[in-house]
C-alpha atoms as a PDB file:
ATOM      1  CA  MET A   1       2.552 -20.936 -25.066  1.00  0.00           C
ATOM      2  CA  LYS A   2       1.368 -17.624 -23.662  1.00  0.00           C
ATOM      3  CA  ASN A   3       4.663 -17.107 -21.817  1.00  0.00           C
ATOM      4  CA  LYS A   4       6.622 -17.722 -25.024  1.00  0.00           C
ATOM      5  CA  THR A   5       4.399 -15.274 -26.904  1.00  0.00           C
ATOM      6  CA  ASP A   6       4.831 -12.620 -24.230  1.00  0.00           C
ATOM      7  CA  LEU A   7       8.606 -13.157 -24.224  1.00  0.00           C
ATOM      8  CA  PHE A   8       8.725 -12.829 -28.010  1.00  0.00           C
ATOM      9  CA  LEU A   9       6.618  -9.645 -27.842  1.00  0.00           C
ATOM     10  CA  LEU A  10       8.912  -8.221 -25.142  1.00  0.00           C
ATOM     11  CA  GLU A  11      11.972  -8.958 -27.283  1.00  0.00           C
ATOM     12  CA  GLU A  12      10.431  -7.265 -30.314  1.00  0.00           C
ATOM     13  CA  ILE A  13       9.439  -4.187 -28.314  1.00  0.00           C
ATOM     14  CA  VAL A  14      12.972  -3.849 -26.942  1.00  0.00           C
ATOM     15  CA  LYS A  15      14.449  -4.136 -30.443  1.00  0.00           C
ATOM     16  CA  LYS A  16      11.946  -1.659 -31.880  1.00  0.00           C
ATOM     17  CA  ASN A  17      12.485   0.950 -29.162  1.00  0.00           C
ATOM     18  CA  PHE A  18      16.255   0.597 -29.201  1.00  0.00           C
ATOM     19  CA  SER A  19      16.516   0.982 -32.980  1.00  0.00           C
ATOM     20  CA  ALA A  20      13.940   3.797 -33.080  1.00  0.00           C
ATOM     21  CA  LYS A  21      16.034   5.815 -30.638  1.00  0.00           C
ATOM     22  CA  TYR A  22      18.813   6.159 -33.225  1.00  0.00           C
ATOM     23  CA  LYS A  23      16.792   5.797 -36.423  1.00  0.00           C
ATOM     24  CA  ASP A  24      17.187   9.391 -37.633  1.00  0.00           C
ATOM     25  CA  SER A  25      20.569  10.004 -36.021  1.00  0.00           C
ATOM     26  CA  PHE A  26      23.646  10.209 -38.251  1.00  0.00           C
ATOM     27  CA  LEU A  27      25.937   9.056 -35.442  1.00  0.00           C
ATOM     28  CA  GLY A  28      23.512   6.384 -34.277  1.00  0.00           C
ATOM     29  CA  ILE A  29      24.499   4.544 -31.118  1.00  0.00           C
ATOM     30  CA  ILE A  30      27.784   6.471 -31.002  1.00  0.00           C
ATOM     31  CA  TRP A  31      25.715   9.394 -29.705  1.00  0.00           C
ATOM     32  CA  SER A  32      25.141   7.410 -26.486  1.00  0.00           C
ATOM     33  CA  ILE A  33      28.901   7.571 -26.009  1.00  0.00           C
ATOM     34  CA  LEU A  34      29.534  11.135 -27.162  1.00  0.00           C
ATOM     35  CA  LYS A  35      26.680  12.830 -25.320  1.00  0.00           C
ATOM     36  CA  PRO A  36      27.681  11.949 -21.722  1.00  0.00           C
ATOM     37  CA  LEU A  37      31.362  12.442 -22.532  1.00  0.00           C
ATOM     38  CA  LEU A  38      30.843  15.925 -23.975  1.00  0.00           C
ATOM     39  CA  ILE A  39      28.662  16.954 -21.039  1.00  0.00           C
ATOM     40  CA  MET A  40      31.221  15.503 -18.617  1.00  0.00           C
ATOM     41  CA  ILE A  41      34.059  17.456 -20.230  1.00  0.00           C
ATOM     42  CA  LEU A  42      32.071  20.713 -20.232  1.00  0.00           C
ATOM     43  CA  LEU A  43      30.930  20.451 -16.616  1.00  0.00           C
ATOM     44  CA  THR A  44      34.347  19.263 -15.483  1.00  0.00           C
ATOM     45  CA  ILE A  45      35.864  22.437 -16.925  1.00  0.00           C
ATOM     46  CA  ILE A  46      33.194  24.559 -15.236  1.00  0.00           C
ATOM     47  CA  PHE A  47      32.793  22.914 -11.841  1.00  0.00           C
ATOM     48  CA  SER A  48      36.142  21.277 -11.156  1.00  0.00           C
ATOM     49  CA  THR A  49      37.501  24.738 -10.346  1.00  0.00           C
ATOM     50  CA  VAL A  50      34.650  25.244  -7.889  1.00  0.00           C
ATOM     51  CA  PHE A  51      34.490  21.808  -6.276  1.00  0.00           C
ATOM     52  CA  GLY A  52      37.921  20.496  -7.249  1.00  0.00           C
ATOM     53  CA  SER A  53      39.256  20.524  -3.688  1.00  0.00           C
ATOM     54  CA  LYS A  54      36.091  18.899  -2.321  1.00  0.00           C
ATOM     55  CA  ILE A  55      35.578  16.140  -4.915  1.00  0.00           C
ATOM     56  CA  GLU A  56      38.268  13.632  -5.805  1.00  0.00           C
ATOM     57  CA  ASN A  57      38.364  12.801  -9.523  1.00  0.00           C
ATOM     58  CA  TYR A  58      35.505  15.059 -10.547  1.00  0.00           C
ATOM     59  CA  PRO A  59      34.938  13.486 -14.025  1.00  0.00           C
ATOM     60  CA  VAL A  60      34.229  10.074 -12.460  1.00  0.00           C
ATOM     61  CA  TYR A  61      32.127  11.622  -9.694  1.00  0.00           C
ATOM     62  CA  PHE A  62      29.982  13.512 -12.185  1.00  0.00           C
ATOM     63  CA  LEU A  63      29.649  10.752 -14.780  1.00  0.00           C
ATOM     64  CA  SER A  64      28.619   8.137 -12.189  1.00  0.00           C
ATOM     65  CA  GLY A  65      25.691  10.280 -11.073  1.00  0.00           C
ATOM     66  CA  LYS A  66      24.844  11.427 -14.592  1.00  0.00           C
ATOM     67  CA  CYS A  67      24.641   7.861 -15.944  1.00  0.00           C
ATOM     68  CA  ILE A  68      22.199   6.804 -13.245  1.00  0.00           C
ATOM     69  CA  TYR A  69      19.988   9.860 -13.486  1.00  0.00           C
ATOM     70  CA  ASP A  70      19.920   9.796 -17.295  1.00  0.00           C
ATOM     71  CA  PHE A  71      18.675   6.218 -17.182  1.00  0.00           C
ATOM     72  CA  PHE A  72      16.027   7.174 -14.628  1.00  0.00           C
ATOM     73  CA  THR A  73      14.821  10.081 -16.764  1.00  0.00           C
ATOM     74  CA  ALA A  74      14.940   8.306 -20.129  1.00  0.00           C
ATOM     75  CA  SER A  75      13.279   5.099 -18.941  1.00  0.00           C
ATOM     76  CA  THR A  76      10.440   6.824 -17.106  1.00  0.00           C
ATOM     77  CA  ASN A  77       9.821   9.131 -20.070  1.00  0.00           C
ATOM     78  CA  VAL A  78       9.653   6.330 -22.619  1.00  0.00           C
ATOM     79  CA  SER A  79       7.585   4.029 -20.391  1.00  0.00           C
ATOM     80  CA  MET A  80       5.173   6.900 -19.691  1.00  0.00           C
ATOM     81  CA  ASN A  81       4.149   6.941 -23.365  1.00  0.00           C
ATOM     82  CA  SER A  82       4.457   3.199 -23.968  1.00  0.00           C
ATOM     83  CA  ILE A  83       0.737   2.462 -23.755  1.00  0.00           C
ATOM     84  CA  ARG A  84      -0.543   5.620 -25.404  1.00  0.00           C
ATOM     85  CA  ASN A  85       1.872   5.283 -28.347  1.00  0.00           C
ATOM     86  CA  ASN A  86       0.764   1.698 -28.960  1.00  0.00           C
ATOM     87  CA  LYS A  87      -2.959   2.295 -28.636  1.00  0.00           C
ATOM     88  CA  ASN A  88      -3.693   0.949 -32.137  1.00  0.00           C
ATOM     89  CA  ILE A  89      -2.098  -2.382 -31.274  1.00  0.00           C
ATOM     90  CA  LEU A  90      -3.796  -2.583 -27.883  1.00  0.00           C
ATOM     91  CA  LYS A  91      -7.227  -1.803 -29.347  1.00  0.00           C
ATOM     92  CA  THR A  92      -7.024  -4.650 -31.849  1.00  0.00           C
ATOM     93  CA  THR A  93      -5.138  -7.316 -29.869  1.00  0.00           C
ATOM     94  CA  SER A  94      -5.152  -8.845 -26.415  1.00  0.00           C
ATOM     95  CA  ALA A  95      -1.464  -8.164 -25.876  1.00  0.00           C
ATOM     96  CA  PRO A  96      -0.621  -7.599 -22.192  1.00  0.00           C
ATOM     97  CA  LYS A  97      -0.167  -3.899 -21.597  1.00  0.00           C
ATOM     98  CA  HIS A  98       2.602  -4.237 -19.019  1.00  0.00           C
ATOM     99  CA  ILE A  99       4.851  -5.821 -21.684  1.00  0.00           C
ATOM    100  CA  PHE A 100       5.028  -2.473 -23.487  1.00  0.00           C
ATOM    101  CA  VAL A 101       6.110  -0.729 -20.274  1.00  0.00           C
ATOM    102  CA  LEU A 102       8.756  -3.347 -19.453  1.00  0.00           C
ATOM    103  CA  GLY A 103      10.011  -3.366 -23.042  1.00  0.00           C
ATOM    104  CA  SER A 104      10.471   0.398 -22.972  1.00  0.00           C
ATOM    105  CA  ILE A 105      12.463   0.223 -19.735  1.00  0.00           C
ATOM    106  CA  LEU A 106      14.664  -2.646 -20.935  1.00  0.00           C
ATOM    107  CA  SER A 107      15.526  -0.839 -24.170  1.00  0.00           C
ATOM    108  CA  GLU A 108      16.799   2.102 -22.114  1.00  0.00           C
ATOM    109  CA  PHE A 109      18.632  -0.303 -19.811  1.00  0.00           C
ATOM    110  CA  PHE A 110      20.850  -1.374 -22.724  1.00  0.00           C
ATOM    111  CA  ASN A 111      21.774   2.275 -23.250  1.00  0.00           C
ATOM    112  CA  PHE A 112      22.535   2.457 -19.543  1.00  0.00           C
ATOM    113  CA  ILE A 113      24.947  -0.482 -19.854  1.00  0.00           C
ATOM    114  CA  ILE A 114      26.783   1.430 -22.598  1.00  0.00           C
ATOM    115  CA  THR A 115      27.199   4.465 -20.331  1.00  0.00           C
ATOM    116  CA  LEU A 116      28.531   2.242 -17.541  1.00  0.00           C
ATOM    117  CA  VAL A 117      31.191   0.967 -19.952  1.00  0.00           C
ATOM    118  CA  ILE A 118      32.064   4.611 -20.668  1.00  0.00           C
ATOM    119  CA  LEU A 119      32.345   5.199 -16.915  1.00  0.00           C
ATOM    120  CA  ILE A 120      34.831   2.344 -16.598  1.00  0.00           C
ATOM    121  CA  ILE A 121      36.878   3.738 -19.495  1.00  0.00           C
ATOM    122  CA  VAL A 122      36.942   7.186 -17.866  1.00  0.00           C
ATOM    123  CA  MET A 123      38.061   5.585 -14.597  1.00  0.00           C
ATOM    124  CA  ILE A 124      40.927   3.907 -16.444  1.00  0.00           C
ATOM    125  CA  VAL A 125      41.945   7.102 -18.261  1.00  0.00           C
ATOM    126  CA  THR A 126      41.849   9.187 -15.066  1.00  0.00           C
ATOM    127  CA  LYS A 127      43.669   6.411 -13.157  1.00  0.00           C
ATOM    128  CA  ALA A 128      40.880   6.006 -10.638  1.00  0.00           C
ATOM    129  CA  PRO A 129      41.349   3.013  -8.325  1.00  0.00           C
ATOM    130  CA  PHE A 130      39.177  -0.061  -8.887  1.00  0.00           C
ATOM    131  CA  HIS A 131      37.875  -1.401  -5.583  1.00  0.00           C
ATOM    132  CA  MET A 132      36.955  -4.897  -6.723  1.00  0.00           C
ATOM    133  CA  GLU A 133      36.016  -6.004  -3.205  1.00  0.00           C
ATOM    134  CA  THR A 134      33.091  -3.563  -3.123  1.00  0.00           C
ATOM    135  CA  MET A 135      32.476  -2.861  -6.822  1.00  0.00           C
ATOM    136  CA  PHE A 136      30.554  -6.122  -7.254  1.00  0.00           C
ATOM    137  CA  PHE A 137      28.034  -4.991  -4.636  1.00  0.00           C
ATOM    138  CA  SER A 138      27.229  -1.883  -6.660  1.00  0.00           C
ATOM    139  CA  ILE A 139      24.625  -4.088  -8.313  1.00  0.00           C
ATOM    140  CA  ILE A 140      22.485  -3.555  -5.178  1.00  0.00           C
ATOM    141  CA  PRO A 141      21.750   0.168  -5.762  1.00  0.00           C
ATOM    142  CA  LEU A 142      21.363  -0.544  -9.490  1.00  0.00           C
ATOM    143  CA  LEU A 143      18.752  -3.161  -8.642  1.00  0.00           C
ATOM    144  CA  SER A 144      16.967  -0.584  -6.475  1.00  0.00           C
ATOM    145  CA  LEU A 145      17.119   1.800  -9.431  1.00  0.00           C
ATOM    146  CA  LEU A 146      15.568  -0.730 -11.810  1.00  0.00           C
ATOM    147  CA  ILE A 147      12.802  -1.566  -9.314  1.00  0.00           C
ATOM    148  CA  THR A 148      12.061   2.132  -8.758  1.00  0.00           C
ATOM    149  CA  VAL A 149      11.970   2.884 -12.472  1.00  0.00           C
ATOM    150  CA  THR A 150       9.598  -0.028 -13.127  1.00  0.00           C
ATOM    151  CA  GLY A 151       7.182   1.088 -10.412  1.00  0.00           C
ATOM    152  CA  ILE A 152       7.163   4.709 -11.563  1.00  0.00           C
ATOM    153  CA  GLY A 153       6.932   3.645 -15.211  1.00  0.00           C
ATOM    154  CA  LEU A 154       3.810   1.576 -14.524  1.00  0.00           C
ATOM    155  CA  ILE A 155       2.157   4.479 -12.726  1.00  0.00           C
ATOM    156  CA  LEU A 156       3.058   7.071 -15.360  1.00  0.00           C
ATOM    157  CA  SER A 157       1.960   4.847 -18.251  1.00  0.00           C
ATOM    158  CA  ILE A 158      -1.543   4.709 -16.780  1.00  0.00           C
ATOM    159  CA  PHE A 159      -1.782   8.350 -15.744  1.00  0.00           C
ATOM    160  CA  CYS A 160      -0.533   9.555 -19.136  1.00  0.00           C
ATOM    161  CA  VAL A 161      -3.480   7.858 -20.868  1.00  0.00           C
ATOM    162  CA  TYR A 162      -5.968   9.757 -18.709  1.00  0.00           C
ATOM    163  CA  TYR A 163      -4.082  13.036 -18.334  1.00  0.00           C
ATOM    164  CA  THR A 164      -1.672  14.086 -21.085  1.00  0.00           C
ATOM    165  CA  ASP A 165      -0.423  16.971 -18.921  1.00  0.00           C
ATOM    166  CA  VAL A 166       1.377  14.365 -16.824  1.00  0.00           C
ATOM    167  CA  GLU A 167       4.139  14.327 -19.434  1.00  0.00           C
ATOM    168  CA  HIS A 168       4.831  18.038 -18.997  1.00  0.00           C
ATOM    169  CA  LEU A 169       4.646  17.820 -15.215  1.00  0.00           C
ATOM    170  CA  TRP A 170       7.041  14.890 -15.169  1.00  0.00           C
ATOM    171  CA  ASN A 171       9.553  16.760 -17.311  1.00  0.00           C
ATOM    172  CA  VAL A 172       9.550  19.543 -14.726  1.00  0.00           C
ATOM    173  CA  ALA A 173       9.804  17.022 -11.878  1.00  0.00           C
ATOM    174  CA  THR A 174      12.807  15.231 -13.401  1.00  0.00           C
ATOM    175  CA  LEU A 175      14.553  18.542 -14.078  1.00  0.00           C
ATOM    176  CA  MET A 176      14.109  19.526 -10.442  1.00  0.00           C
ATOM    177  CA  GLY A 177      15.180  16.049  -9.371  1.00  0.00           C
ATOM    178  CA  MET A 178      18.412  16.349 -11.337  1.00  0.00           C
ATOM    179  CA  TYR A 179      19.472  19.390  -9.311  1.00  0.00           C
ATOM    180  CA  ALA A 180      18.382  17.640  -6.109  1.00  0.00           C
ATOM    181  CA  SER A 181      20.449  14.492  -6.751  1.00  0.00           C
ATOM    182  CA  ALA A 182      23.963  15.857  -6.091  1.00  0.00           C
ATOM    183  CA  ILE A 183      25.131  14.887  -9.567  1.00  0.00           C
ATOM    184  CA  PHE A 184      27.651  17.673 -10.095  1.00  0.00           C
ATOM    185  CA  TYR A 185      28.174  19.004  -6.552  1.00  0.00           C
ATOM    186  CA  PRO A 186      29.034  17.396  -3.195  1.00  0.00           C
ATOM    187  CA  ILE A 187      26.032  16.646  -0.995  1.00  0.00           C
ATOM    188  CA  ASN A 188      27.788  17.904   2.119  1.00  0.00           C
ATOM    189  CA  ILE A 189      27.635  21.537   0.947  1.00  0.00           C
ATOM    190  CA  ILE A 190      23.848  21.542   1.440  1.00  0.00           C
ATOM    191  CA  PRO A 191      22.957  23.141   4.796  1.00  0.00           C
ATOM    192  CA  ASP A 192      20.195  22.047   7.148  1.00  0.00           C
ATOM    193  CA  PRO A 193      17.232  21.816   6.864  1.00  0.00           C
ATOM    194  CA  TYR A 194      17.479  21.536   3.057  1.00  0.00           C
ATOM    195  CA  TYR A 195      19.795  18.540   3.364  1.00  0.00           C
ATOM    196  CA  HIS A 196      17.074  16.499   5.077  1.00  0.00           C
ATOM    197  CA  TYR A 197      14.548  17.466   2.414  1.00  0.00           C
ATOM    198  CA  MET A 198      16.929  16.255  -0.275  1.00  0.00           C
ATOM    199  CA  LEU A 199      17.107  12.860   1.411  1.00  0.00           C
ATOM    200  CA  LEU A 200      13.459  12.361   0.409  1.00  0.00           C
ATOM    201  CA  ASN A 201      14.769  11.831  -3.130  1.00  0.00           C
ATOM    202  CA  PRO A 202      15.275   8.039  -3.597  1.00  0.00           C
ATOM    203  CA  ILE A 203      17.550   8.552  -6.618  1.00  0.00           C
ATOM    204  CA  LEU A 204      19.960  10.527  -4.437  1.00  0.00           C
ATOM    205  CA  TRP A 205      20.284   7.480  -2.154  1.00  0.00           C
ATOM    206  CA  ILE A 206      20.968   5.224  -5.130  1.00  0.00           C
ATOM    207  CA  ILE A 207      23.601   7.544  -6.601  1.00  0.00           C
ATOM    208  CA  GLU A 208      25.409   7.947  -3.278  1.00  0.00           C
ATOM    209  CA  GLN A 209      25.377   4.191  -2.624  1.00  0.00           C
ATOM    210  CA  PHE A 210      26.672   3.445  -6.109  1.00  0.00           C
ATOM    211  CA  ARG A 211      29.499   5.964  -5.736  1.00  0.00           C
ATOM    212  CA  SER A 212      30.480   4.536  -2.362  1.00  0.00           C
ATOM    213  CA  LEU A 213      30.653   0.965  -3.626  1.00  0.00           C
ATOM    214  CA  ALA A 214      31.931   1.405  -7.183  1.00  0.00           C
ATOM    215  CA  ILE A 215      34.207   4.428  -6.862  1.00  0.00           C
ATOM    216  CA  TYR A 216      35.315   4.947  -3.274  1.00  0.00           C
ATOM    217  CA  GLY A 217      35.424   1.337  -2.095  1.00  0.00           C
ATOM    218  CA  THR A 218      33.369   1.975   1.020  1.00  0.00           C
ATOM    219  CA  ILE A 219      30.272   0.162   2.208  1.00  0.00           C
ATOM    220  CA  PRO A 220      27.294   2.469   2.859  1.00  0.00           C
ATOM    221  CA  ASP A 221      25.352   2.288   6.082  1.00  0.00           C
ATOM    222  CA  GLY A 222      23.370  -0.957   6.149  1.00  0.00           C
ATOM    223  CA  LEU A 223      20.187   0.791   7.262  1.00  0.00           C
ATOM    224  CA  ASN A 224      20.561   3.196   4.349  1.00  0.00           C
ATOM    225  CA  ILE A 225      20.689   0.307   1.868  1.00  0.00           C
ATOM    226  CA  ILE A 226      17.722  -1.459   3.496  1.00  0.00           C
ATOM    227  CA  ASN A 227      15.644   1.726   3.434  1.00  0.00           C
ATOM    228  CA  SER A 228      16.499   2.274  -0.232  1.00  0.00           C
ATOM    229  CA  ILE A 229      15.482  -1.264  -1.209  1.00  0.00           C
ATOM    230  CA  LEU A 230      12.341  -1.011   0.919  1.00  0.00           C
ATOM    231  CA  LEU A 231      11.325   2.297  -0.653  1.00  0.00           C
ATOM    232  CA  SER A 232      11.968   0.922  -4.151  1.00  0.00           C
ATOM    233  CA  THR A 233       9.845  -2.128  -3.372  1.00  0.00           C
ATOM    234  CA  ILE A 234       7.015   0.037  -2.061  1.00  0.00           C
ATOM    235  CA  ILE A 235       7.111   2.111  -5.260  1.00  0.00           C
ATOM    236  CA  LEU A 236       6.998  -1.063  -7.364  1.00  0.00           C
ATOM    237  CA  ILE A 237       4.094  -2.547  -5.393  1.00  0.00           C
ATOM    238  CA  LEU A 238       2.197   0.734  -5.644  1.00  0.00           C
ATOM    239  CA  GLY A 239       2.880   0.795  -9.385  1.00  0.00           C
ATOM    240  CA  ILE A 240       1.582  -2.755  -9.834  1.00  0.00           C
ATOM    241  CA  ILE A 241      -1.564  -2.027  -7.814  1.00  0.00           C
ATOM    242  CA  ILE A 242      -2.400   1.132  -9.780  1.00  0.00           C
ATOM    243  CA  PHE A 243      -1.594  -0.519 -13.109  1.00  0.00           C
ATOM    244  CA  LYS A 244      -3.743  -3.591 -12.374  1.00  0.00           C
ATOM    245  CA  LYS A 245      -6.639  -1.436 -11.234  1.00  0.00           C
ATOM    246  CA  PHE A 246      -6.804   0.713 -14.367  1.00  0.00           C
ATOM    247  CA  GLU A 247      -5.238  -1.331 -17.183  1.00  0.00           C
ATOM    248  CA  LYS A 248      -8.577  -2.784 -18.362  1.00  0.00           C
ATOM    249  CA  LYS A 249     -10.109   0.672 -18.598  1.00  0.00           C
ATOM    250  CA  VAL A 250      -7.367   2.468 -20.503  1.00  0.00           C
ATOM    251  CA  THR A 251      -8.511   1.285 -23.936  1.00  0.00           C
ATOM    252  CA  MET A 252     -11.789   3.123 -23.320  1.00  0.00           C
ATOM    253  CA  ASN A 253      -9.835   6.392 -23.168  1.00  0.00           C
ATOM    254  CA  PHE A 254      -7.985   5.985 -26.492  1.00  0.00           C
END
């Protein structure tokens, strides 16, 4: 019975968060389509002249990285506030706190699916080749992404209850991470030793692996994929440990 209740609660949280995202928007869910497209068009005009000879099909290159990083940013931001924003419910019920974190991430995942559909449409319009033999395996870096987001979301949701400044710090961190993820420029233009520092960014690995499999039809280095999955798993385990240690105490800080 408890599992059914938790599943129902998760479903309601996903619905609530998804609808709330577009509640006061005139365009509603259409904005999820227009926003990445408008940004893609603008940056394509700006940067295709700079990197055009170095990046094949710049719109697809940019949008593939932008979709992934937008999901990372949006899901961690919403999960960060998932416990604090539902403090009234958590103070009066015994609802499991992790359900609110997972529900927040899943609601953003549906938006992510929409942007992936947009990516496919852009690939068709720009006549990009579809490498079906490797495209299926692009689910591997996306799985790493989901695992990473869940681990970070669990950690941030706890820290944000104790320290509200975490939200501001994370906004700065994700902004820096965007420029360090090779979203709109080729990674090979980064000189040593900065290149090796950028490889510490797990989202960069995920974006590069996804591009290789879904866009270029090449299989990334096996060790690279294993390291990415391993790092994502470590982040998730760390998130679970921290969340379990402090979840019973968070209501005392509301």
